[in-house]
Amino acid sequence: MKNSFINRRLLLNIGLTLVGCSLLLYCIKVAIAAHLPFLVATILATGLGFLEPRKGWFLAIVQAVTIWLVYTFFLEHPTNNVDAELENFSLYGSMILTFVGSFIGAMLKRVFDRA
């Protein structure tokens, strides 16, 4: 059981990831510019990589898929083209930053563990 991919720690971190997804989706919906969602996505993703240096990629996939699914199927989309473009830009940019931030967080964790 110790060597299995899905363990108790990963399940707890998936729960934290889902809480972070809700915060990120809220930022995407209320932001008047893409800066806030990008900042929040980067911070959350770096935390994911720091929490799970070896499995952070899995948490990044969970976060990216979750925010896309919830935004696409469960949230209302704006009728104004400018707002729709801003939300789409923030959503897809946050998905990309999720993977970058997770990689950076994993590298930071490994560096701190060696020091």
PDB file of N, CA and C in Angstrom:
ATOM      1  N   MET A   1       0.826  -1.194   0.000  1.00  0.00           N
ATOM      2  CA  MET A   1       0.000   0.000   0.000  1.00  0.00           C
ATOM      3  C   MET A   1       0.869   1.256   0.000  1.00  0.00           C
ATOM      4  N   LYS A   2       2.078   1.184   0.550  1.00  0.00           N
ATOM      5  CA  LYS A   2       2.948   2.353   0.606  1.00  0.00           C
ATOM      6  C   LYS A   2       3.372   2.804  -0.785  1.00  0.00           C
ATOM      7  N   ASN A   3       3.523   1.871  -1.721  1.00  0.00           N
ATOM      8  CA  ASN A   3       4.000   2.197  -3.051  1.00  0.00           C
ATOM      9  C   ASN A   3       2.882   2.484  -4.035  1.00  0.00           C
ATOM     10  N   SER A   4       1.635   2.429  -3.609  1.00  0.00           N
ATOM     11  CA  SER A   4       0.539   2.676  -4.533  1.00  0.00           C
ATOM     12  C   SER A   4       0.484   4.156  -4.902  1.00  0.00           C
ATOM     13  N   PHE A   5      -0.003   4.418  -6.096  1.00  0.00           N
ATOM     14  CA  PHE A   5      -0.053   5.792  -6.587  1.00  0.00           C
ATOM     15  C   PHE A   5      -1.041   6.631  -5.776  1.00  0.00           C
ATOM     16  N   ILE A   6      -2.222   6.082  -5.558  1.00  0.00           N
ATOM     17  CA  ILE A   6      -3.248   6.809  -4.805  1.00  0.00           C
ATOM     18  C   ILE A   6      -3.149   6.385  -3.346  1.00  0.00           C
ATOM     19  N   ASN A   7      -2.773   7.343  -2.512  1.00  0.00           N
ATOM     20  CA  ASN A   7      -2.676   7.087  -1.080  1.00  0.00           C
ATOM     21  C   ASN A   7      -3.444   8.173  -0.332  1.00  0.00           C
ATOM     22  N   ARG A   8      -3.405   8.107   0.970  1.00  0.00           N
ATOM     23  CA  ARG A   8      -4.181   9.048   1.793  1.00  0.00           C
ATOM     24  C   ARG A   8      -3.713  10.491   1.572  1.00  0.00           C
ATOM     25  N   ARG A   9      -2.419  10.680   1.481  1.00  0.00           N
ATOM     26  CA  ARG A   9      -1.877  12.029   1.292  1.00  0.00           C
ATOM     27  C   ARG A   9      -2.337  12.617  -0.039  1.00  0.00           C
ATOM     28  N   LEU A  10      -2.324  11.824  -1.090  1.00  0.00           N
ATOM     29  CA  LEU A  10      -2.768  12.303  -2.392  1.00  0.00           C
ATOM     30  C   LEU A  10      -4.255  12.644  -2.372  1.00  0.00           C
ATOM     31  N   LEU A  11      -5.055  11.840  -1.703  1.00  0.00           N
ATOM     32  CA  LEU A  11      -6.490  12.132  -1.605  1.00  0.00           C
ATOM     33  C   LEU A  11      -6.749  13.433  -0.851  1.00  0.00           C
ATOM     34  N   LEU A  12      -5.987  13.670   0.225  1.00  0.00           N
ATOM     35  CA  LEU A  12      -6.128  14.938   0.950  1.00  0.00           C
ATOM     36  C   LEU A  12      -5.728  16.120   0.066  1.00  0.00           C
ATOM     37  N   ASN A  13      -4.666  15.935  -0.711  1.00  0.00           N
ATOM     38  CA  ASN A  13      -4.222  17.006  -1.595  1.00  0.00           C
ATOM     39  C   ASN A  13      -5.181  17.224  -2.762  1.00  0.00           C
ATOM     40  N   ILE A  14      -5.879  16.180  -3.181  1.00  0.00           N
ATOM     41  CA  ILE A  14      -6.925  16.357  -4.198  1.00  0.00           C
ATOM     42  C   ILE A  14      -8.052  17.203  -3.619  1.00  0.00           C
ATOM     43  N   GLY A  15      -8.398  16.970  -2.366  1.00  0.00           N
ATOM     44  CA  GLY A  15      -9.406  17.803  -1.703  1.00  0.00           C
ATOM     45  C   GLY A  15      -8.986  19.267  -1.646  1.00  0.00           C
ATOM     46  N   LEU A  16      -7.721  19.500  -1.292  1.00  0.00           N
ATOM     47  CA  LEU A  16      -7.215  20.875  -1.290  1.00  0.00           C
ATOM     48  C   LEU A  16      -7.223  21.473  -2.698  1.00  0.00           C
ATOM     49  N   THR A  17      -6.939  20.653  -3.686  1.00  0.00           N
ATOM     50  CA  THR A  17      -6.953  21.112  -5.067  1.00  0.00           C
ATOM     51  C   THR A  17      -8.354  21.546  -5.477  1.00  0.00           C
ATOM     52  N   LEU A  18      -9.353  20.789  -5.066  1.00  0.00           N
ATOM     53  CA  LEU A  18     -10.732  21.145  -5.411  1.00  0.00           C
ATOM     54  C   LEU A  18     -11.173  22.435  -4.728  1.00  0.00           C
ATOM     55  N   VAL A  19     -10.711  22.651  -3.507  1.00  0.00           N
ATOM     56  CA  VAL A  19     -10.998  23.929  -2.835  1.00  0.00           C
ATOM     57  C   VAL A  19     -10.319  25.070  -3.591  1.00  0.00           C
ATOM     58  N   GLY A  20      -9.084  24.849  -4.003  1.00  0.00           N
ATOM     59  CA  GLY A  20      -8.374  25.855  -4.801  1.00  0.00           C
ATOM     60  C   GLY A  20      -9.050  26.114  -6.133  1.00  0.00           C
ATOM     61  N   CYS A  21      -9.628  25.078  -6.724  1.00  0.00           N
ATOM     62  CA  CYS A  21     -10.357  25.248  -7.987  1.00  0.00           C
ATOM     63  C   CYS A  21     -11.546  26.181  -7.809  1.00  0.00           C
ATOM     64  N   SER A  22     -12.249  26.032  -6.705  1.00  0.00           N
ATOM     65  CA  SER A  22     -13.400  26.909  -6.472  1.00  0.00           C
ATOM     66  C   SER A  22     -12.945  28.356  -6.296  1.00  0.00           C
ATOM     67  N   LEU A  23     -11.842  28.570  -5.609  1.00  0.00           N
ATOM     68  CA  LEU A  23     -11.299  29.921  -5.461  1.00  0.00           C
ATOM     69  C   LEU A  23     -10.875  30.487  -6.812  1.00  0.00           C
ATOM     70  N   LEU A  24     -10.233  29.675  -7.615  1.00  0.00           N
ATOM     71  CA  LEU A  24      -9.788  30.118  -8.933  1.00  0.00           C
ATOM     72  C   LEU A  24     -10.970  30.447  -9.837  1.00  0.00           C
ATOM     73  N   LEU A  25     -12.000  29.626  -9.822  1.00  0.00           N
ATOM     74  CA  LEU A  25     -13.185  29.908 -10.627  1.00  0.00           C
ATOM     75  C   LEU A  25     -13.875  31.183 -10.176  1.00  0.00           C
ATOM     76  N   TYR A  26     -13.904  31.417  -8.887  1.00  0.00           N
ATOM     77  CA  TYR A  26     -14.478  32.664  -8.382  1.00  0.00           C
ATOM     78  C   TYR A  26     -13.684  33.864  -8.899  1.00  0.00           C
ATOM     79  N   CYS A  27     -12.365  33.748  -8.864  1.00  0.00           N
ATOM     80  CA  CYS A  27     -11.522  34.845  -9.366  1.00  0.00           C
ATOM     81  C   CYS A  27     -11.733  35.069 -10.858  1.00  0.00           C
ATOM     82  N   ILE A  28     -11.902  34.001 -11.614  1.00  0.00           N
ATOM     83  CA  ILE A  28     -12.148  34.138 -13.050  1.00  0.00           C
ATOM     84  C   ILE A  28     -13.461  34.858 -13.306  1.00  0.00           C
ATOM     85  N   LYS A  29     -14.477  34.557 -12.511  1.00  0.00           N
ATOM     86  CA  LYS A  29     -15.796  35.175 -12.723  1.00  0.00           C
ATOM     87  C   LYS A  29     -15.849  36.640 -12.305  1.00  0.00           C
ATOM     88  N   VAL A  30     -15.120  37.027 -11.274  1.00  0.00           N
ATOM     89  CA  VAL A  30     -15.246  38.403 -10.763  1.00  0.00           C
ATOM     90  C   VAL A  30     -14.143  39.335 -11.243  1.00  0.00           C
ATOM     91  N   ALA A  31     -13.112  38.813 -11.862  1.00  0.00           N
ATOM     92  CA  ALA A  31     -11.960  39.644 -12.237  1.00  0.00           C
ATOM     93  C   ALA A  31     -12.329  40.598 -13.369  1.00  0.00           C
ATOM     94  N   ILE A  32     -11.776  41.813 -13.287  1.00  0.00           N
ATOM     95  CA  ILE A  32     -11.972  42.782 -14.361  1.00  0.00           C
ATOM     96  C   ILE A  32     -10.776  42.792 -15.313  1.00  0.00           C
ATOM     97  N   ALA A  33      -9.749  42.029 -14.967  1.00  0.00           N
ATOM     98  CA  ALA A  33      -8.573  41.842 -15.818  1.00  0.00           C
ATOM     99  C   ALA A  33      -8.038  40.438 -15.550  1.00  0.00           C
ATOM    100  N   ALA A  34      -7.148  39.982 -16.383  1.00  0.00           N
ATOM    101  CA  ALA A  34      -6.636  38.618 -16.250  1.00  0.00           C
ATOM    102  C   ALA A  34      -5.574  38.485 -15.166  1.00  0.00           C
ATOM    103  N   HIS A  35      -5.156  39.569 -14.566  1.00  0.00           N
ATOM    104  CA  HIS A  35      -4.055  39.521 -13.596  1.00  0.00           C
ATOM    105  C   HIS A  35      -4.391  38.707 -12.355  1.00  0.00           C
ATOM    106  N   LEU A  36      -5.565  38.918 -11.793  1.00  0.00           N
ATOM    107  CA  LEU A  36      -5.945  38.210 -10.567  1.00  0.00           C
ATOM    108  C   LEU A  36      -6.052  36.695 -10.779  1.00  0.00           C
ATOM    109  N   PRO A  37      -6.777  36.222 -11.806  1.00  0.00           N
ATOM    110  CA  PRO A  37      -6.812  34.762 -11.996  1.00  0.00           C
ATOM    111  C   PRO A  37      -5.440  34.159 -12.275  1.00  0.00           C
ATOM    112  N   PHE A  38      -4.601  34.868 -13.012  1.00  0.00           N
ATOM    113  CA  PHE A  38      -3.269  34.345 -13.303  1.00  0.00           C
ATOM    114  C   PHE A  38      -2.427  34.263 -12.040  1.00  0.00           C
ATOM    115  N   LEU A  39      -2.519  35.266 -11.183  1.00  0.00           N
ATOM    116  CA  LEU A  39      -1.782  35.258  -9.923  1.00  0.00           C
ATOM    117  C   LEU A  39      -2.256  34.115  -9.028  1.00  0.00           C
ATOM    118  N   VAL A  40      -3.557  33.983  -8.895  1.00  0.00           N
ATOM    119  CA  VAL A  40      -4.118  32.926  -8.045  1.00  0.00           C
ATOM    120  C   VAL A  40      -3.769  31.552  -8.606  1.00  0.00           C
ATOM    121  N   ALA A  41      -3.865  31.367  -9.925  1.00  0.00           N
ATOM    122  CA  ALA A  41      -3.526  30.077 -10.537  1.00  0.00           C
ATOM    123  C   ALA A  41      -2.069  29.728 -10.305  1.00  0.00           C
ATOM    124  N   THR A  42      -1.191  30.702 -10.427  1.00  0.00           N
ATOM    125  CA  THR A  42       0.232  30.448 -10.229  1.00  0.00           C
ATOM    126  C   THR A  42       0.534  30.081  -8.781  1.00  0.00           C
ATOM    127  N   ILE A  43      -0.047  30.795  -7.853  1.00  0.00           N
ATOM    128  CA  ILE A  43       0.182  30.505  -6.431  1.00  0.00           C
ATOM    129  C   ILE A  43      -0.370  29.133  -6.064  1.00  0.00           C
ATOM    130  N   LEU A  44      -1.595  28.841  -6.492  1.00  0.00           N
ATOM    131  CA  LEU A  44      -2.180  27.541  -6.179  1.00  0.00           C
ATOM    132  C   LEU A  44      -1.392  26.400  -6.809  1.00  0.00           C
ATOM    133  N   ALA A  45      -0.981  26.568  -8.050  1.00  0.00           N
ATOM    134  CA  ALA A  45      -0.249  25.498  -8.733  1.00  0.00           C
ATOM    135  C   ALA A  45       1.135  25.292  -8.129  1.00  0.00           C
ATOM    136  N   THR A  46       1.787  26.359  -7.730  1.00  0.00           N
ATOM    137  CA  THR A  46       3.081  26.209  -7.064  1.00  0.00           C
ATOM    138  C   THR A  46       2.900  25.450  -5.755  1.00  0.00           C
ATOM    139  N   GLY A  47       1.822  25.726  -5.065  1.00  0.00           N
ATOM    140  CA  GLY A  47       1.511  24.974  -3.847  1.00  0.00           C
ATOM    141  C   GLY A  47       1.256  23.503  -4.127  1.00  0.00           C
ATOM    142  N   LEU A  48       0.603  23.199  -5.250  1.00  0.00           N
ATOM    143  CA  LEU A  48       0.363  21.801  -5.613  1.00  0.00           C
ATOM    144  C   LEU A  48       1.681  21.063  -5.832  1.00  0.00           C
ATOM    145  N   GLY A  49       2.576  21.695  -6.563  1.00  0.00           N
ATOM    146  CA  GLY A  49       3.880  21.085  -6.808  1.00  0.00           C
ATOM    147  C   GLY A  49       4.684  20.937  -5.537  1.00  0.00           C
ATOM    148  N   PHE A  50       4.536  21.893  -4.627  1.00  0.00           N
ATOM    149  CA  PHE A  50       5.255  21.834  -3.354  1.00  0.00           C
ATOM    150  C   PHE A  50       4.684  20.729  -2.460  1.00  0.00           C
ATOM    151  N   LEU A  51       3.352  20.553  -2.491  1.00  0.00           N
ATOM    152  CA  LEU A  51       2.729  19.505  -1.675  1.00  0.00           C
ATOM    153  C   LEU A  51       3.082  18.110  -2.170  1.00  0.00           C
ATOM    154  N   GLU A  52       3.062  17.935  -3.470  1.00  0.00           N
ATOM    155  CA  GLU A  52       3.336  16.628  -4.081  1.00  0.00           C
ATOM    156  C   GLU A  52       4.407  16.786  -5.149  1.00  0.00           C
ATOM    157  N   PRO A  53       5.681  16.768  -4.780  1.00  0.00           N
ATOM    158  CA  PRO A  53       6.735  16.976  -5.773  1.00  0.00           C
ATOM    159  C   PRO A  53       6.782  15.898  -6.851  1.00  0.00           C
ATOM    160  N   ARG A  54       6.404  14.690  -6.519  1.00  0.00           N
ATOM    161  CA  ARG A  54       6.435  13.601  -7.507  1.00  0.00           C
ATOM    162  C   ARG A  54       5.105  13.427  -8.227  1.00  0.00           C
ATOM    163  N   LYS A  55       4.006  13.796  -7.594  1.00  0.00           N
ATOM    164  CA  LYS A  55       2.681  13.608  -8.177  1.00  0.00           C
ATOM    165  C   LYS A  55       1.984  14.937  -8.454  1.00  0.00           C
ATOM    166  N   GLY A  56       2.728  16.010  -8.461  1.00  0.00           N
ATOM    167  CA  GLY A  56       2.142  17.325  -8.708  1.00  0.00           C
ATOM    168  C   GLY A  56       1.525  17.437 -10.081  1.00  0.00           C
ATOM    169  N   TRP A  57       2.064  16.716 -11.039  1.00  0.00           N
ATOM    170  CA  TRP A  57       1.500  16.723 -12.389  1.00  0.00           C
ATOM    171  C   TRP A  57       0.076  16.195 -12.366  1.00  0.00           C
ATOM    172  N   PHE A  58      -0.188  15.200 -11.516  1.00  0.00           N
ATOM    173  CA  PHE A  58      -1.540  14.643 -11.417  1.00  0.00           C
ATOM    174  C   PHE A  58      -2.492  15.673 -10.812  1.00  0.00           C
ATOM    175  N   LEU A  59      -2.039  16.365  -9.778  1.00  0.00           N
ATOM    176  CA  LEU A  59      -2.869  17.404  -9.175  1.00  0.00           C
ATOM    177  C   LEU A  59      -3.107  18.546 -10.158  1.00  0.00           C
ATOM    178  N   ALA A  60      -2.105  18.859 -10.978  1.00  0.00           N
ATOM    179  CA  ALA A  60      -2.278  19.897 -11.999  1.00  0.00           C
ATOM    180  C   ALA A  60      -3.329  19.476 -13.021  1.00  0.00           C
ATOM    181  N   ILE A  61      -3.313  18.207 -13.408  1.00  0.00           N
ATOM    182  CA  ILE A  61      -4.333  17.714 -14.328  1.00  0.00           C
ATOM    183  C   ILE A  61      -5.715  17.788 -13.689  1.00  0.00           C
ATOM    184  N   VAL A  62      -5.807  17.395 -12.420  1.00  0.00           N
ATOM    185  CA  VAL A  62      -7.088  17.466 -11.705  1.00  0.00           C
ATOM    186  C   VAL A  62      -7.590  18.906 -11.673  1.00  0.00           C
ATOM    187  N   GLN A  63      -6.708  19.855 -11.366  1.00  0.00           N
ATOM    188  CA  GLN A  63      -7.123  21.256 -11.291  1.00  0.00           C
ATOM    189  C   GLN A  63      -7.541  21.775 -12.661  1.00  0.00           C
ATOM    190  N   ALA A  64      -6.758  21.524 -13.689  1.00  0.00           N
ATOM    191  CA  ALA A  64      -7.075  22.040 -15.020  1.00  0.00           C
ATOM    192  C   ALA A  64      -8.383  21.456 -15.549  1.00  0.00           C
ATOM    193  N   VAL A  65      -8.561  20.151 -15.392  1.00  0.00           N
ATOM    194  CA  VAL A  65      -9.787  19.512 -15.879  1.00  0.00           C
ATOM    195  C   VAL A  65     -10.987  19.988 -15.079  1.00  0.00           C
ATOM    196  N   THR A  66     -10.838  20.124 -13.779  1.00  0.00           N
ATOM    197  CA  THR A  66     -11.948  20.558 -12.935  1.00  0.00           C
ATOM    198  C   THR A  66     -12.399  21.967 -13.275  1.00  0.00           C
ATOM    199  N   ILE A  67     -11.460  22.903 -13.406  1.00  0.00           N
ATOM    200  CA  ILE A  67     -11.893  24.272 -13.697  1.00  0.00           C
ATOM    201  C   ILE A  67     -12.514  24.366 -15.085  1.00  0.00           C
ATOM    202  N   TRP A  68     -12.027  23.570 -16.042  1.00  0.00           N
ATOM    203  CA  TRP A  68     -12.622  23.601 -17.372  1.00  0.00           C
ATOM    204  C   TRP A  68     -14.030  23.007 -17.354  1.00  0.00           C
ATOM    205  N   LEU A  69     -14.181  21.848 -16.710  1.00  0.00           N
ATOM    206  CA  LEU A  69     -15.501  21.202 -16.665  1.00  0.00           C
ATOM    207  C   LEU A  69     -16.537  22.052 -15.934  1.00  0.00           C
ATOM    208  N   VAL A  70     -16.159  22.570 -14.779  1.00  0.00           N
ATOM    209  CA  VAL A  70     -17.113  23.364 -14.003  1.00  0.00           C
ATOM    210  C   VAL A  70     -17.456  24.645 -14.743  1.00  0.00           C
ATOM    211  N   TYR A  71     -16.463  25.314 -15.313  1.00  0.00           N
ATOM    212  CA  TYR A  71     -16.746  26.550 -16.047  1.00  0.00           C
ATOM    213  C   TYR A  71     -17.613  26.274 -17.269  1.00  0.00           C
ATOM    214  N   THR A  72     -17.317  25.212 -17.996  1.00  0.00           N
ATOM    215  CA  THR A  72     -18.032  24.932 -19.233  1.00  0.00           C
ATOM    216  C   THR A  72     -19.466  24.472 -18.999  1.00  0.00           C
ATOM    217  N   PHE A  73     -19.676  23.617 -18.011  1.00  0.00           N
ATOM    218  CA  PHE A  73     -20.974  22.991 -17.868  1.00  0.00           C
ATOM    219  C   PHE A  73     -21.828  23.491 -16.702  1.00  0.00           C
ATOM    220  N   PHE A  74     -21.251  24.167 -15.731  1.00  0.00           N
ATOM    221  CA  PHE A  74     -22.016  24.510 -14.544  1.00  0.00           C
ATOM    222  C   PHE A  74     -22.134  26.008 -14.261  1.00  0.00           C
ATOM    223  N   LEU A  75     -21.335  26.828 -14.901  1.00  0.00           N
ATOM    224  CA  LEU A  75     -21.402  28.270 -14.651  1.00  0.00           C
ATOM    225  C   LEU A  75     -22.049  28.988 -15.827  1.00  0.00           C
ATOM    226  N   GLU A  76     -22.668  30.113 -15.509  1.00  0.00           N
ATOM    227  CA  GLU A  76     -23.262  30.926 -16.568  1.00  0.00           C
ATOM    228  C   GLU A  76     -22.166  31.690 -17.294  1.00  0.00           C
ATOM    229  N   HIS A  77     -22.351  31.816 -18.590  1.00  0.00           N
ATOM    230  CA  HIS A  77     -21.378  32.537 -19.399  1.00  0.00           C
ATOM    231  C   HIS A  77     -21.919  33.934 -19.702  1.00  0.00           C
ATOM    232  N   PRO A  78     -21.057  34.940 -19.710  1.00  0.00           N
ATOM    233  CA  PRO A  78     -21.527  36.297 -19.968  1.00  0.00           C
ATOM    234  C   PRO A  78     -22.011  36.451 -21.412  1.00  0.00           C
ATOM    235  N   THR A  79     -22.978  37.340 -21.581  1.00  0.00           N
ATOM    236  CA  THR A  79     -23.505  37.603 -22.927  1.00  0.00           C
ATOM    237  C   THR A  79     -22.690  38.677 -23.636  1.00  0.00           C
ATOM    238  N   ASN A  80     -21.987  39.472 -22.872  1.00  0.00           N
ATOM    239  CA  ASN A  80     -21.139  40.521 -23.427  1.00  0.00           C
ATOM    240  C   ASN A  80     -19.866  39.875 -23.988  1.00  0.00           C
ATOM    241  N   ASN A  81     -19.508  40.187 -25.227  1.00  0.00           N
ATOM    242  CA  ASN A  81     -18.342  39.578 -25.862  1.00  0.00           C
ATOM    243  C   ASN A  81     -17.044  39.903 -25.136  1.00  0.00           C
ATOM    244  N   VAL A  82     -16.915  41.117 -24.621  1.00  0.00           N
ATOM    245  CA  VAL A  82     -15.679  41.499 -23.926  1.00  0.00           C
ATOM    246  C   VAL A  82     -15.513  40.680 -22.658  1.00  0.00           C
ATOM    247  N   ASP A  83     -16.575  40.541 -21.898  1.00  0.00           N
ATOM    248  CA  ASP A  83     -16.504  39.744 -20.667  1.00  0.00           C
ATOM    249  C   ASP A  83     -16.268  38.267 -20.972  1.00  0.00           C
ATOM    250  N   ALA A  84     -16.901  37.759 -22.026  1.00  0.00           N
ATOM    251  CA  ALA A  84     -16.709  36.354 -22.407  1.00  0.00           C
ATOM    252  C   ALA A  84     -15.264  36.106 -22.826  1.00  0.00           C
ATOM    253  N   GLU A  85     -14.686  37.019 -23.588  1.00  0.00           N
ATOM    254  CA  GLU A  85     -13.295  36.870 -24.000  1.00  0.00           C
ATOM    255  C   GLU A  85     -12.350  36.927 -22.808  1.00  0.00           C
ATOM    256  N   LEU A  86     -12.616  37.829 -21.867  1.00  0.00           N
ATOM    257  CA  LEU A  86     -11.786  37.937 -20.668  1.00  0.00           C
ATOM    258  C   LEU A  86     -11.854  36.652 -19.849  1.00  0.00           C
ATOM    259  N   GLU A  87     -13.048  36.120 -19.662  1.00  0.00           N
ATOM    260  CA  GLU A  87     -13.191  34.887 -18.881  1.00  0.00           C
ATOM    261  C   GLU A  87     -12.519  33.706 -19.581  1.00  0.00           C
ATOM    262  N   ASN A  88     -12.685  33.615 -20.884  1.00  0.00           N
ATOM    263  CA  ASN A  88     -12.026  32.521 -21.619  1.00  0.00           C
ATOM    264  C   ASN A  88     -10.512  32.646 -21.560  1.00  0.00           C
ATOM    265  N   PHE A  89     -10.004  33.856 -21.726  1.00  0.00           N
ATOM    266  CA  PHE A  89      -8.566  34.080 -21.643  1.00  0.00           C
ATOM    267  C   PHE A  89      -8.050  33.721 -20.259  1.00  0.00           C
ATOM    268  N   SER A  90      -8.774  34.141 -19.235  1.00  0.00           N
ATOM    269  CA  SER A  90      -8.377  33.831 -17.859  1.00  0.00           C
ATOM    270  C   SER A  90      -8.446  32.336 -17.584  1.00  0.00           C
ATOM    271  N   LEU A  91      -9.479  31.670 -18.096  1.00  0.00           N
ATOM    272  CA  LEU A  91      -9.640  30.232 -17.873  1.00  0.00           C
ATOM    273  C   LEU A  91      -8.505  29.448 -18.520  1.00  0.00           C
ATOM    274  N   TYR A  92      -8.290  29.661 -19.808  1.00  0.00           N
ATOM    275  CA  TYR A  92      -7.275  28.867 -20.502  1.00  0.00           C
ATOM    276  C   TYR A  92      -5.855  29.259 -20.094  1.00  0.00           C
ATOM    277  N   GLY A  93      -5.646  30.524 -19.806  1.00  0.00           N
ATOM    278  CA  GLY A  93      -4.340  30.942 -19.286  1.00  0.00           C
ATOM    279  C   GLY A  93      -4.061  30.322 -17.929  1.00  0.00           C
ATOM    280  N   SER A  94      -5.084  30.242 -17.092  1.00  0.00           N
ATOM    281  CA  SER A  94      -4.921  29.619 -15.769  1.00  0.00           C
ATOM    282  C   SER A  94      -4.633  28.134 -15.897  1.00  0.00           C
ATOM    283  N   MET A  95      -5.223  27.491 -16.881  1.00  0.00           N
ATOM    284  CA  MET A  95      -4.951  26.067 -17.081  1.00  0.00           C
ATOM    285  C   MET A  95      -3.484  25.850 -17.464  1.00  0.00           C
ATOM    286  N   ILE A  96      -2.952  26.698 -18.316  1.00  0.00           N
ATOM    287  CA  ILE A  96      -1.541  26.587 -18.709  1.00  0.00           C
ATOM    288  C   ILE A  96      -0.640  26.893 -17.517  1.00  0.00           C
ATOM    289  N   LEU A  97      -0.958  27.952 -16.789  1.00  0.00           N
ATOM    290  CA  LEU A  97      -0.143  28.321 -15.627  1.00  0.00           C
ATOM    291  C   LEU A  97      -0.188  27.258 -14.532  1.00  0.00           C
ATOM    292  N   THR A  98      -1.243  26.478 -14.498  1.00  0.00           N
ATOM    293  CA  THR A  98      -1.337  25.397 -13.519  1.00  0.00           C
ATOM    294  C   THR A  98      -0.199  24.402 -13.708  1.00  0.00           C
ATOM    295  N   PHE A  99       0.076  24.041 -14.945  1.00  0.00           N
ATOM    296  CA  PHE A  99       1.152  23.075 -15.204  1.00  0.00           C
ATOM    297  C   PHE A  99       2.524  23.689 -14.958  1.00  0.00           C
ATOM    298  N   VAL A 100       2.699  24.927 -15.355  1.00  0.00           N
ATOM    299  CA  VAL A 100       3.985  25.599 -15.148  1.00  0.00           C
ATOM    300  C   VAL A 100       4.253  25.778 -13.654  1.00  0.00           C
ATOM    301  N   GLY A 101       3.256  26.260 -12.933  1.00  0.00           N
ATOM    302  CA  GLY A 101       3.416  26.478 -11.497  1.00  0.00           C
ATOM    303  C   GLY A 101       3.655  25.194 -10.732  1.00  0.00           C
ATOM    304  N   SER A 102       2.989  24.119 -11.134  1.00  0.00           N
ATOM    305  CA  SER A 102       3.193  22.836 -10.475  1.00  0.00           C
ATOM    306  C   SER A 102       4.623  22.345 -10.670  1.00  0.00           C
ATOM    307  N   PHE A 103       5.152  22.520 -11.855  1.00  0.00           N
ATOM    308  CA  PHE A 103       6.535  22.132 -12.128  1.00  0.00           C
ATOM    309  C   PHE A 103       7.502  22.955 -11.284  1.00  0.00           C
ATOM    310  N   ILE A 104       7.266  24.260 -11.207  1.00  0.00           N
ATOM    311  CA  ILE A 104       8.140  25.140 -10.421  1.00  0.00           C
ATOM    312  C   ILE A 104       8.059  24.783  -8.933  1.00  0.00           C
ATOM    313  N   GLY A 105       6.859  24.520  -8.429  1.00  0.00           N
ATOM    314  CA  GLY A 105       6.705  24.144  -7.030  1.00  0.00           C
ATOM    315  C   GLY A 105       7.414  22.846  -6.699  1.00  0.00           C
ATOM    316  N   ALA A 106       7.346  21.883  -7.617  1.00  0.00           N
ATOM    317  CA  ALA A 106       8.040  20.609  -7.391  1.00  0.00           C
ATOM    318  C   ALA A 106       9.546  20.814  -7.367  1.00  0.00           C
ATOM    319  N   MET A 107      10.058  21.656  -8.246  1.00  0.00           N
ATOM    320  CA  MET A 107      11.496  21.932  -8.261  1.00  0.00           C
ATOM    321  C   MET A 107      11.928  22.647  -6.974  1.00  0.00           C
ATOM    322  N   LEU A 108      11.121  23.595  -6.520  1.00  0.00           N
ATOM    323  CA  LEU A 108      11.445  24.304  -5.268  1.00  0.00           C
ATOM    324  C   LEU A 108      11.470  23.341  -4.086  1.00  0.00           C
ATOM    325  N   LYS A 109      10.501  22.440  -4.034  1.00  0.00           N
ATOM    326  CA  LYS A 109      10.450  21.475  -2.937  1.00  0.00           C
ATOM    327  C   LYS A 109      11.685  20.575  -2.937  1.00  0.00           C
ATOM    328  N   ARG A 110      12.073  20.138  -4.109  1.00  0.00           N
ATOM    329  CA  ARG A 110      13.266  19.282  -4.203  1.00  0.00           C
ATOM    330  C   ARG A 110      14.518  20.020  -3.802  1.00  0.00           C
ATOM    331  N   VAL A 111      14.623  21.290  -4.168  1.00  0.00           N
ATOM    332  CA  VAL A 111      15.780  22.103  -3.776  1.00  0.00           C
ATOM    333  C   VAL A 111      15.809  22.304  -2.267  1.00  0.00           C
ATOM    334  N   PHE A 112      14.632  22.601  -1.678  1.00  0.00           N
ATOM    335  CA  PHE A 112      14.577  22.800  -0.229  1.00  0.00           C
ATOM    336  C   PHE A 112      14.865  21.511   0.527  1.00  0.00           C
ATOM    337  N   ASP A 113      14.472  20.379  -0.023  1.00  0.00           N
ATOM    338  CA  ASP A 113      14.743  19.101   0.645  1.00  0.00           C
ATOM    339  C   ASP A 113      16.230  18.756   0.616  1.00  0.00           C
ATOM    340  N   ARG A 114      16.945  19.184  -0.396  1.00  0.00           N
ATOM    341  CA  ARG A 114      18.371  18.909  -0.489  1.00  0.00           C
ATOM    342  C   ARG A 114      19.207  19.820   0.414  1.00  0.00           C
ATOM    343  N   ALA A 115      18.679  20.990   0.694  1.00  0.00           N
ATOM    344  CA  ALA A 115      19.430  21.956   1.500  1.00  0.00           C
ATOM    345  C   ALA A 115      19.412  21.621   2.961  1.00  0.00           C
TER     346      ALA A 115
END
